[in-house]
PDB file of N, CA and C in Angstrom:
ATOM      1  N   MET A   1      23.104  75.958   3.354  1.00  0.00           N
ATOM      2  CA  MET A   1      22.895  74.672   2.603  1.00  0.00           C
ATOM      3  C   MET A   1      23.226  74.994   1.170  1.00  0.00           C
ATOM      4  N   ILE A   2      23.936  74.034   0.499  1.00  0.00           N
ATOM      5  CA  ILE A   2      24.230  74.095  -0.954  1.00  0.00           C
ATOM      6  C   ILE A   2      23.473  72.990  -1.551  1.00  0.00           C
ATOM      7  N   ARG A   3      22.488  73.262  -2.381  1.00  0.00           N
ATOM      8  CA  ARG A   3      21.771  72.275  -3.130  1.00  0.00           C
ATOM      9  C   ARG A   3      22.636  71.647  -4.153  1.00  0.00           C
ATOM     10  N   GLN A   4      22.279  70.415  -4.549  1.00  0.00           N
ATOM     11  CA  GLN A   4      23.034  69.708  -5.578  1.00  0.00           C
ATOM     12  C   GLN A   4      23.075  70.570  -6.926  1.00  0.00           C
ATOM     13  N   VAL A   5      22.035  71.255  -7.168  1.00  0.00           N
ATOM     14  CA  VAL A   5      21.984  72.082  -8.414  1.00  0.00           C
ATOM     15  C   VAL A   5      22.886  73.353  -8.306  1.00  0.00           C
ATOM     16  N   GLY A   6      23.586  73.523  -7.291  1.00  0.00           N
ATOM     17  CA  GLY A   6      24.573  74.622  -7.055  1.00  0.00           C
ATOM     18  C   GLY A   6      23.960  75.819  -6.502  1.00  0.00           C
ATOM     19  N   ARG A   7      22.728  75.865  -6.105  1.00  0.00           N
ATOM     20  CA  ARG A   7      22.124  76.979  -5.494  1.00  0.00           C
ATOM     21  C   ARG A   7      22.333  77.003  -3.954  1.00  0.00           C
ATOM     22  N   SER A   8      22.799  78.095  -3.364  1.00  0.00           N
ATOM     23  CA  SER A   8      22.998  78.090  -1.951  1.00  0.00           C
ATOM     24  C   SER A   8      21.751  78.757  -1.235  1.00  0.00           C
ATOM     25  N   VAL A   9      21.507  78.326  -0.023  1.00  0.00           N
ATOM     26  CA  VAL A   9      20.329  78.801   0.774  1.00  0.00           C
ATOM     27  C   VAL A   9      20.900  78.995   2.105  1.00  0.00           C
ATOM     28  N   LEU A  10      20.741  80.123   2.776  1.00  0.00           N
ATOM     29  CA  LEU A  10      21.124  80.409   4.110  1.00  0.00           C
ATOM     30  C   LEU A  10      19.945  79.958   5.007  1.00  0.00           C
ATOM     31  N   LEU A  11      20.164  79.011   5.915  1.00  0.00           N
ATOM     32  CA  LEU A  11      19.124  78.534   6.768  1.00  0.00           C
ATOM     33  C   LEU A  11      19.182  79.295   8.042  1.00  0.00           C
ATOM     34  N   GLU A  12      18.130  79.944   8.453  1.00  0.00           N
ATOM     35  CA  GLU A  12      17.951  80.695   9.724  1.00  0.00           C
ATOM     36  C   GLU A  12      16.637  80.318  10.344  1.00  0.00           C
ATOM     37  N   PRO A  13      16.760  80.046  11.686  1.00  0.00           N
ATOM     38  CA  PRO A  13      15.440  79.669  12.379  1.00  0.00           C
ATOM     39  C   PRO A  13      14.544  80.833  12.499  1.00  0.00           C
ATOM     40  N   GLU A  14      13.337  80.553  12.660  1.00  0.00           N
ATOM     41  CA  GLU A  14      12.359  81.631  12.775  1.00  0.00           C
ATOM     42  C   GLU A  14      12.546  82.428  14.136  1.00  0.00           C
ATOM     43  N   GLU A  15      13.017  81.717  15.161  1.00  0.00           N
ATOM     44  CA  GLU A  15      13.165  82.373  16.439  1.00  0.00           C
ATOM     45  C   GLU A  15      14.630  82.234  16.924  1.00  0.00           C
ATOM     46  N   ASP A  16      15.159  83.109  17.709  1.00  0.00           N
ATOM     47  CA  ASP A  16      16.465  83.025  18.397  1.00  0.00           C
ATOM     48  C   ASP A  16      16.335  81.933  19.495  1.00  0.00           C
ATOM     49  N   SER A  17      17.362  81.308  19.844  1.00  0.00           N
ATOM     50  CA  SER A  17      17.428  80.436  20.921  1.00  0.00           C
ATOM     51  C   SER A  17      18.688  80.684  21.752  1.00  0.00           C
ATOM     52  N   PRO A  18      18.698  80.183  22.975  1.00  0.00           N
ATOM     53  CA  PRO A  18      19.942  80.352  23.787  1.00  0.00           C
ATOM     54  C   PRO A  18      21.066  79.574  23.119  1.00  0.00           C
ATOM     55  N   PRO A  19      22.293  80.109  23.404  1.00  0.00           N
ATOM     56  CA  PRO A  19      23.472  79.330  22.808  1.00  0.00           C
ATOM     57  C   PRO A  19      23.441  77.899  23.365  1.00  0.00           C
ATOM     58  N   LEU A  20      24.135  77.090  22.596  1.00  0.00           N
ATOM     59  CA  LEU A  20      24.233  75.620  22.956  1.00  0.00           C
ATOM     60  C   LEU A  20      24.722  75.534  24.354  1.00  0.00           C
ATOM     61  N   GLY A  21      24.140  74.661  25.099  1.00  0.00           N
ATOM     62  CA  GLY A  21      24.561  74.397  26.489  1.00  0.00           C
ATOM     63  C   GLY A  21      23.892  75.322  27.537  1.00  0.00           C
ATOM     64  N   LEU A  22      23.175  76.337  27.141  1.00  0.00           N
ATOM     65  CA  LEU A  22      22.597  77.232  28.085  1.00  0.00           C
ATOM     66  C   LEU A  22      21.072  76.976  28.243  1.00  0.00           C
ATOM     67  N   ALA A  23      20.516  76.117  27.480  1.00  0.00           N
ATOM     68  CA  ALA A  23      19.055  75.828  27.557  1.00  0.00           C
ATOM     69  C   ALA A  23      18.756  75.235  28.898  1.00  0.00           C
ATOM     70  N   GLY A  24      19.632  74.639  29.647  1.00  0.00           N
ATOM     71  CA  GLY A  24      19.478  74.077  30.924  1.00  0.00           C
ATOM     72  C   GLY A  24      19.179  75.096  32.044  1.00  0.00           C
ATOM     73  N   LEU A  25      19.322  76.419  31.718  1.00  0.00           N
ATOM     74  CA  LEU A  25      19.097  77.481  32.698  1.00  0.00           C
ATOM     75  C   LEU A  25      17.636  77.798  32.850  1.00  0.00           C
ATOM     76  N   GLY A  26      16.750  76.966  32.235  1.00  0.00           N
ATOM     77  CA  GLY A  26      15.245  77.247  32.275  1.00  0.00           C
ATOM     78  C   GLY A  26      14.730  77.914  31.111  1.00  0.00           C
ATOM     79  N   LEU A  27      15.546  78.345  30.168  1.00  0.00           N
ATOM     80  CA  LEU A  27      15.151  78.944  28.964  1.00  0.00           C
ATOM     81  C   LEU A  27      14.535  77.999  27.988  1.00  0.00           C
ATOM     82  N   PRO A  28      13.595  78.270  27.169  1.00  0.00           N
ATOM     83  CA  PRO A  28      13.065  77.391  26.238  1.00  0.00           C
ATOM     84  C   PRO A  28      14.139  77.009  25.180  1.00  0.00           C
ATOM     85  N   GLY A  29      14.176  75.685  24.874  1.00  0.00           N
ATOM     86  CA  GLY A  29      15.247  75.186  23.983  1.00  0.00           C
ATOM     87  C   GLY A  29      14.877  75.537  22.574  1.00  0.00           C
ATOM     88  N   PRO A  30      15.760  75.216  21.628  1.00  0.00           N
ATOM     89  CA  PRO A  30      15.545  75.657  20.242  1.00  0.00           C
ATOM     90  C   PRO A  30      14.430  74.764  19.628  1.00  0.00           C
ATOM     91  N   LYS A  31      13.757  75.355  18.709  1.00  0.00           N
ATOM     92  CA  LYS A  31      12.692  74.705  17.926  1.00  0.00           C
ATOM     93  C   LYS A  31      13.455  74.042  16.720  1.00  0.00           C
ATOM     94  N   PRO A  32      13.012  72.854  16.351  1.00  0.00           N
ATOM     95  CA  PRO A  32      13.669  72.175  15.175  1.00  0.00           C
ATOM     96  C   PRO A  32      13.359  72.979  13.927  1.00  0.00           C
ATOM     97  N   LEU A  33      14.431  73.038  13.087  1.00  0.00           N
ATOM     98  CA  LEU A  33      14.224  73.630  11.700  1.00  0.00           C
ATOM     99  C   LEU A  33      14.367  72.489  10.739  1.00  0.00           C
ATOM    100  N   ARG A  34      13.291  72.180  10.037  1.00  0.00           N
ATOM    101  CA  ARG A  34      13.252  71.080   9.130  1.00  0.00           C
ATOM    102  C   ARG A  34      13.379  71.636   7.674  1.00  0.00           C
ATOM    103  N   VAL A  35      14.388  71.017   7.006  1.00  0.00           N
ATOM    104  CA  VAL A  35      14.491  71.331   5.577  1.00  0.00           C
ATOM    105  C   VAL A  35      14.746  70.108   4.782  1.00  0.00           C
ATOM    106  N   PRO A  36      14.337  70.034   3.547  1.00  0.00           N
ATOM    107  CA  PRO A  36      14.662  68.843   2.748  1.00  0.00           C
ATOM    108  C   PRO A  36      16.185  68.771   2.550  1.00  0.00           C
ATOM    109  N   PHE A  37      16.677  67.589   2.651  1.00  0.00           N
ATOM    110  CA  PHE A  37      18.161  67.410   2.490  1.00  0.00           C
ATOM    111  C   PHE A  37      18.255  66.164   1.481  1.00  0.00           C
ATOM    112  N   THR A  38      18.321  66.565   0.244  1.00  0.00           N
ATOM    113  CA  THR A  38      18.274  65.534  -0.808  1.00  0.00           C
ATOM    114  C   THR A  38      19.627  65.125  -1.321  1.00  0.00           C
ATOM    115  N   GLN A  39      19.655  64.039  -2.081  1.00  0.00           N
ATOM    116  CA  GLN A  39      20.939  63.464  -2.663  1.00  0.00           C
ATOM    117  C   GLN A  39      21.627  64.569  -3.341  1.00  0.00           C
ATOM    118  N   GLY A  40      22.961  64.653  -2.991  1.00  0.00           N
ATOM    119  CA  GLY A  40      23.846  65.737  -3.587  1.00  0.00           C
ATOM    120  C   GLY A  40      23.912  66.991  -2.861  1.00  0.00           C
ATOM    121  N   ASP A  41      23.008  67.231  -1.861  1.00  0.00           N
ATOM    122  CA  ASP A  41      23.054  68.525  -1.125  1.00  0.00           C
ATOM    123  C   ASP A  41      24.164  68.405  -0.072  1.00  0.00           C
ATOM    124  N   GLN A  42      24.590  69.484   0.360  1.00  0.00           N
ATOM    125  CA  GLN A  42      25.618  69.627   1.464  1.00  0.00           C
ATOM    126  C   GLN A  42      25.210  70.736   2.336  1.00  0.00           C
ATOM    127  N   MET A  43      25.619  70.567   3.620  1.00  0.00           N
ATOM    128  CA  MET A  43      25.298  71.620   4.664  1.00  0.00           C
ATOM    129  C   MET A  43      26.560  71.852   5.400  1.00  0.00           C
ATOM    130  N   LEU A  44      26.978  73.219   5.487  1.00  0.00           N
ATOM    131  CA  LEU A  44      27.997  73.583   6.276  1.00  0.00           C
ATOM    132  C   LEU A  44      27.518  74.165   7.635  1.00  0.00           C
ATOM    133  N   LEU A  45      27.978  73.524   8.707  1.00  0.00           N
ATOM    134  CA  LEU A  45      27.701  74.045  10.051  1.00  0.00           C
ATOM    135  C   LEU A  45      28.939  74.806  10.549  1.00  0.00           C
ATOM    136  N   TYR A  46      28.801  75.923  11.153  1.00  0.00           N
ATOM    137  CA  TYR A  46      29.995  76.659  11.554  1.00  0.00           C
ATOM    138  C   TYR A  46      29.648  77.484  12.755  1.00  0.00           C
ATOM    139  N   THR A  47      30.743  77.891  13.554  1.00  0.00           N
ATOM    140  CA  THR A  47      30.562  78.800  14.649  1.00  0.00           C
ATOM    141  C   THR A  47      30.671  80.192  14.203  1.00  0.00           C
ATOM    142  N   ASP A  48      30.403  81.147  15.146  1.00  0.00           N
ATOM    143  CA  ASP A  48      30.459  82.495  14.784  1.00  0.00           C
ATOM    144  C   ASP A  48      31.840  83.051  14.573  1.00  0.00           C
ATOM    145  N   GLY A  49      32.814  82.290  14.949  1.00  0.00           N
ATOM    146  CA  GLY A  49      34.220  82.658  14.748  1.00  0.00           C
ATOM    147  C   GLY A  49      34.583  82.682  13.299  1.00  0.00           C
ATOM    148  N   VAL A  50      33.793  81.996  12.426  1.00  0.00           N
ATOM    149  CA  VAL A  50      34.021  81.908  10.996  1.00  0.00           C
ATOM    150  C   VAL A  50      33.515  83.177  10.339  1.00  0.00           C
ATOM    151  N   ILE A  51      32.265  83.542  10.500  1.00  0.00           N
ATOM    152  CA  ILE A  51      31.679  84.760   9.897  1.00  0.00           C
ATOM    153  C   ILE A  51      31.995  86.023  10.549  1.00  0.00           C
ATOM    154  N   GLU A  52      32.463  85.995  11.760  1.00  0.00           N
ATOM    155  CA  GLU A  52      32.859  87.276  12.423  1.00  0.00           C
ATOM    156  C   GLU A  52      34.368  87.584  12.301  1.00  0.00           C
ATOM    157  N   ALA A  53      35.098  86.671  11.642  1.00  0.00           N
ATOM    158  CA  ALA A  53      36.588  86.906  11.379  1.00  0.00           C
ATOM    159  C   ALA A  53      36.742  88.157  10.448  1.00  0.00           C
ATOM    160  N   ARG A  54      37.700  88.890  10.801  1.00  0.00           N
ATOM    161  CA  ARG A  54      37.995  90.213  10.097  1.00  0.00           C
ATOM    162  C   ARG A  54      39.413  90.159   9.564  1.00  0.00           C
ATOM    163  N   ASP A  55      39.620  90.938   8.469  1.00  0.00           N
ATOM    164  CA  ASP A  55      40.935  91.162   7.995  1.00  0.00           C
ATOM    165  C   ASP A  55      41.529  92.373   8.723  1.00  0.00           C
ATOM    166  N   GLY A  56      42.754  92.750   8.323  1.00  0.00           N
ATOM    167  CA  GLY A  56      43.466  93.861   8.949  1.00  0.00           C
ATOM    168  C   GLY A  56      42.725  95.180   8.825  1.00  0.00           C
ATOM    169  N   GLY A  57      41.886  95.319   7.768  1.00  0.00           N
ATOM    170  CA  GLY A  57      41.190  96.536   7.524  1.00  0.00           C
ATOM    171  C   GLY A  57      39.815  96.569   8.242  1.00  0.00           C
ATOM    172  N   GLY A  58      39.432  95.368   8.868  1.00  0.00           N
ATOM    173  CA  GLY A  58      38.134  95.275   9.590  1.00  0.00           C
ATOM    174  C   GLY A  58      37.035  94.609   8.714  1.00  0.00           C
ATOM    175  N   ALA A  59      37.310  94.246   7.539  1.00  0.00           N
ATOM    176  CA  ALA A  59      36.361  93.636   6.730  1.00  0.00           C
ATOM    177  C   ALA A  59      36.094  92.175   7.135  1.00  0.00           C
ATOM    178  N   PHE A  60      34.671  91.798   7.373  1.00  0.00           N
ATOM    179  CA  PHE A  60      34.344  90.545   7.698  1.00  0.00           C
ATOM    180  C   PHE A  60      34.663  89.448   6.646  1.00  0.00           C
ATOM    181  N   TYR A  61      34.766  88.208   7.054  1.00  0.00           N
ATOM    182  CA  TYR A  61      34.944  87.146   6.141  1.00  0.00           C
ATOM    183  C   TYR A  61      33.603  86.737   5.507  1.00  0.00           C
ATOM    184  N   LEU A  62      33.466  86.950   4.198  1.00  0.00           N
ATOM    185  CA  LEU A  62      32.255  86.756   3.496  1.00  0.00           C
ATOM    186  C   LEU A  62      32.206  85.243   3.018  1.00  0.00           C
ATOM    187  N   LEU A  63      31.634  84.452   3.916  1.00  0.00           N
ATOM    188  CA  LEU A  63      31.538  83.056   3.740  1.00  0.00           C
ATOM    189  C   LEU A  63      30.746  82.659   2.349  1.00  0.00           C
ATOM    190  N   THR A  64      29.686  83.485   2.151  1.00  0.00           N
ATOM    191  CA  THR A  64      28.954  83.146   0.931  1.00  0.00           C
ATOM    192  C   THR A  64      29.693  83.337  -0.377  1.00  0.00           C
ATOM    193  N   ASP A  65      30.789  84.189  -0.311  1.00  0.00           N
ATOM    194  CA  ASP A  65      31.674  84.377  -1.460  1.00  0.00           C
ATOM    195  C   ASP A  65      32.575  83.194  -1.700  1.00  0.00           C
ATOM    196  N   ARG A  66      32.705  82.301  -0.752  1.00  0.00           N
ATOM    197  CA  ARG A  66      33.688  81.310  -0.702  1.00  0.00           C
ATOM    198  C   ARG A  66      33.052  79.901  -0.980  1.00  0.00           C
ATOM    199  N   LEU A  67      31.774  79.802  -1.293  1.00  0.00           N
ATOM    200  CA  LEU A  67      31.085  78.519  -1.374  1.00  0.00           C
ATOM    201  C   LEU A  67      31.750  77.630  -2.473  1.00  0.00           C
ATOM    202  N   ALA A  68      32.334  78.178  -3.467  1.00  0.00           N
ATOM    203  CA  ALA A  68      32.990  77.432  -4.492  1.00  0.00           C
ATOM    204  C   ALA A  68      34.085  76.476  -3.927  1.00  0.00           C
ATOM    205  N   LEU A  69      34.642  76.847  -2.854  1.00  0.00           N
ATOM    206  CA  LEU A  69      35.709  76.045  -2.192  1.00  0.00           C
ATOM    207  C   LEU A  69      35.172  74.692  -1.705  1.00  0.00           C
ATOM    208  N   LEU A  70      33.847  74.581  -1.508  1.00  0.00           N
ATOM    209  CA  LEU A  70      33.149  73.420  -1.009  1.00  0.00           C
ATOM    210  C   LEU A  70      32.816  72.454  -2.140  1.00  0.00           C
ATOM    211  N   GLY A  71      33.116  72.715  -3.342  1.00  0.00           N
ATOM    212  CA  GLY A  71      32.764  71.931  -4.420  1.00  0.00           C
ATOM    213  C   GLY A  71      33.682  70.724  -4.741  1.00  0.00           C
ATOM    214  N   GLN A  72      34.778  70.610  -3.918  1.00  0.00           N
ATOM    215  CA  GLN A  72      35.698  69.491  -4.054  1.00  0.00           C
ATOM    216  C   GLN A  72      35.061  68.167  -3.834  1.00  0.00           C
ATOM    217  N   ALA A  73      35.596  67.119  -4.444  1.00  0.00           N
ATOM    218  CA  ALA A  73      35.081  65.775  -4.242  1.00  0.00           C
ATOM    219  C   ALA A  73      35.313  65.269  -2.790  1.00  0.00           C
ATOM    220  N   ASP A  74      36.416  65.589  -2.230  1.00  0.00           N
ATOM    221  CA  ASP A  74      36.850  65.164  -0.931  1.00  0.00           C
ATOM    222  C   ASP A  74      36.309  66.264   0.191  1.00  0.00           C
ATOM    223  N   PRO A  75      35.343  65.849   1.011  1.00  0.00           N
ATOM    224  CA  PRO A  75      34.778  66.923   1.919  1.00  0.00           C
ATOM    225  C   PRO A  75      35.876  67.396   2.919  1.00  0.00           C
ATOM    226  N   GLN A  76      36.808  66.622   3.299  1.00  0.00           N
ATOM    227  CA  GLN A  76      37.841  67.070   4.245  1.00  0.00           C
ATOM    228  C   GLN A  76      38.788  68.031   3.560  1.00  0.00           C
ATOM    229  N   LYS A  77      39.099  67.862   2.282  1.00  0.00           N
ATOM    230  CA  LYS A  77      39.933  68.763   1.482  1.00  0.00           C
ATOM    231  C   LYS A  77      39.131  70.120   1.345  1.00  0.00           C
ATOM    232  N   ALA A  78      37.802  70.013   1.078  1.00  0.00           N
ATOM    233  CA  ALA A  78      36.970  71.205   0.938  1.00  0.00           C
ATOM    234  C   ALA A  78      37.022  72.086   2.205  1.00  0.00           C
ATOM    235  N   VAL A  79      36.894  71.450   3.411  1.00  0.00           N
ATOM    236  CA  VAL A  79      36.884  72.188   4.659  1.00  0.00           C
ATOM    237  C   VAL A  79      38.247  72.738   4.969  1.00  0.00           C
ATOM    238  N   ASP A  80      39.353  71.893   4.648  1.00  0.00           N
ATOM    239  CA  ASP A  80      40.694  72.329   4.846  1.00  0.00           C
ATOM    240  C   ASP A  80      41.041  73.537   3.987  1.00  0.00           C
ATOM    241  N   ASP A  81      40.518  73.633   2.745  1.00  0.00           N
ATOM    242  CA  ASP A  81      40.644  74.726   1.840  1.00  0.00           C
ATOM    243  C   ASP A  81      39.989  75.944   2.314  1.00  0.00           C
ATOM    244  N   LEU A  82      38.743  75.775   2.886  1.00  0.00           N
ATOM    245  CA  LEU A  82      37.986  76.889   3.374  1.00  0.00           C
ATOM    246  C   LEU A  82      38.635  77.436   4.650  1.00  0.00           C
ATOM    247  N   ARG A  83      39.231  76.558   5.476  1.00  0.00           N
ATOM    248  CA  ARG A  83      39.917  77.076   6.671  1.00  0.00           C
ATOM    249  C   ARG A  83      41.218  77.828   6.269  1.00  0.00           C
ATOM    250  N   ALA A  84      41.981  77.342   5.291  1.00  0.00           N
ATOM    251  CA  ALA A  84      43.145  77.979   4.873  1.00  0.00           C
ATOM    252  C   ALA A  84      42.730  79.419   4.287  1.00  0.00           C
ATOM    253  N   ASP A  85      41.675  79.463   3.546  1.00  0.00           N
ATOM    254  CA  ASP A  85      41.223  80.805   2.999  1.00  0.00           C
ATOM    255  C   ASP A  85      40.868  81.732   4.142  1.00  0.00           C
ATOM    256  N   LEU A  86      40.172  81.155   5.236  1.00  0.00           N
ATOM    257  CA  LEU A  86      39.836  81.964   6.435  1.00  0.00           C
ATOM    258  C   LEU A  86      41.079  82.520   7.117  1.00  0.00           C
ATOM    259  N   VAL A  87      42.041  81.716   7.309  1.00  0.00           N
ATOM    260  CA  VAL A  87      43.286  82.182   7.923  1.00  0.00           C
ATOM    261  C   VAL A  87      44.057  83.139   7.064  1.00  0.00           C
ATOM    262  N   ASP A  88      44.009  82.943   5.783  1.00  0.00           N
ATOM    263  CA  ASP A  88      44.585  83.982   4.851  1.00  0.00           C
ATOM    264  C   ASP A  88      43.886  85.257   4.971  1.00  0.00           C
ATOM    265  N   HIS A  89      42.518  85.191   5.041  1.00  0.00           N
ATOM    266  CA  HIS A  89      41.747  86.491   5.158  1.00  0.00           C
ATOM    267  C   HIS A  89      42.143  87.201   6.423  1.00  0.00           C
ATOM    268  N   VAL A  90      42.248  86.499   7.498  1.00  0.00           N
ATOM    269  CA  VAL A  90      42.632  87.226   8.792  1.00  0.00           C
ATOM    270  C   VAL A  90      44.075  87.595   8.819  1.00  0.00           C
ATOM    271  N   GLY A  91      44.918  86.894   8.080  1.00  0.00           N
ATOM    272  CA  GLY A  91      46.330  87.229   7.977  1.00  0.00           C
ATOM    273  C   GLY A  91      47.165  86.551   9.123  1.00  0.00           C
ATOM    274  N   GLY A  92      46.720  85.571   9.622  1.00  0.00           N
ATOM    275  CA  GLY A  92      47.445  84.886  10.711  1.00  0.00           C
ATOM    276  C   GLY A  92      46.493  83.985  11.513  1.00  0.00           C
ATOM    277  N   PRO A  93      46.864  83.659  12.688  1.00  0.00           N
ATOM    278  CA  PRO A  93      46.062  82.805  13.611  1.00  0.00           C
ATOM    279  C   PRO A  93      44.697  83.459  13.808  1.00  0.00           C
ATOM    280  N   LEU A  94      43.637  82.649  13.908  1.00  0.00           N
ATOM    281  CA  LEU A  94      42.275  83.124  14.227  1.00  0.00           C
ATOM    282  C   LEU A  94      42.187  83.642  15.652  1.00  0.00           C
ATOM    283  N   PRO A  95      41.644  84.811  15.892  1.00  0.00           N
ATOM    284  CA  PRO A  95      41.482  85.361  17.226  1.00  0.00           C
ATOM    285  C   PRO A  95      40.359  84.735  18.069  1.00  0.00           C
ATOM    286  N   ASP A  96      39.512  83.954  17.308  1.00  0.00           N
ATOM    287  CA  ASP A  96      38.345  83.390  18.006  1.00  0.00           C
ATOM    288  C   ASP A  96      38.181  81.879  17.597  1.00  0.00           C
ATOM    289  N   ASP A  97      37.495  81.099  18.279  1.00  0.00           N
ATOM    290  CA  ASP A  97      37.275  79.718  17.867  1.00  0.00           C
ATOM    291  C   ASP A  97      36.511  79.767  16.549  1.00  0.00           C
ATOM    292  N   ALA A  98      36.867  78.861  15.697  1.00  0.00           N
ATOM    293  CA  ALA A  98      36.211  78.752  14.375  1.00  0.00           C
ATOM    294  C   ALA A  98      36.142  77.228  13.988  1.00  0.00           C
ATOM    295  N   ALA A  99      34.950  76.684  14.188  1.00  0.00           N
ATOM    296  CA  ALA A  99      34.728  75.221  14.006  1.00  0.00           C
ATOM    297  C   ALA A  99      33.834  75.182  12.736  1.00  0.00           C
ATOM    298  N   MET A 100      34.093  74.170  11.896  1.00  0.00           N
ATOM    299  CA  MET A 100      33.242  73.966  10.734  1.00  0.00           C
ATOM    300  C   MET A 100      32.979  72.463  10.510  1.00  0.00           C
ATOM    301  N   LEU A 101      31.818  72.060  10.145  1.00  0.00           N
ATOM    302  CA  LEU A 101      31.467  70.730   9.827  1.00  0.00           C
ATOM    303  C   LEU A 101      30.669  70.668   8.491  1.00  0.00           C
ATOM    304  N   LEU A 102      31.234  69.966   7.543  1.00  0.00           N
ATOM    305  CA  LEU A 102      30.551  69.824   6.266  1.00  0.00           C
ATOM    306  C   LEU A 102      29.941  68.455   6.234  1.00  0.00           C
ATOM    307  N   VAL A 103      28.539  68.449   6.005  1.00  0.00           N
ATOM    308  CA  VAL A 103      27.739  67.342   5.903  1.00  0.00           C
ATOM    309  C   VAL A 103      27.247  67.150   4.459  1.00  0.00           C
ATOM    310  N   ARG A 104      27.478  66.009   3.829  1.00  0.00           N
ATOM    311  CA  ARG A 104      27.022  65.822   2.495  1.00  0.00           C
ATOM    312  C   ARG A 104      26.071  64.546   2.466  1.00  0.00           C
ATOM    313  N   ARG A 105      25.154  64.693   1.499  1.00  0.00           N
ATOM    314  CA  ARG A 105      24.260  63.500   1.278  1.00  0.00           C
ATOM    315  C   ARG A 105      24.435  63.030  -0.145  1.00  0.00           C
TER     316      ARG A 105
END
């Protein structure tokens, strides 16, 4: 989450949960994580394909170093720029799924 004041906060649940779609196997579902989401805040939701992407030397994509890309006025442009940076980091097509959703208030 990126607060309106420019401070970023990594949101992590207190407990691990099964991957989406597998809770129906009888495992307990995820517990809600409640955080204030105030005017001007934004939240980037992403799959593991984003943060597990590696360059040719094996270095992971450091998403926290790219948060400035999300400062654009147009949220679609912000996500497009972030994706372009991710593809540039990998050096070509992404080897894994990489979905991102930027939510702003």
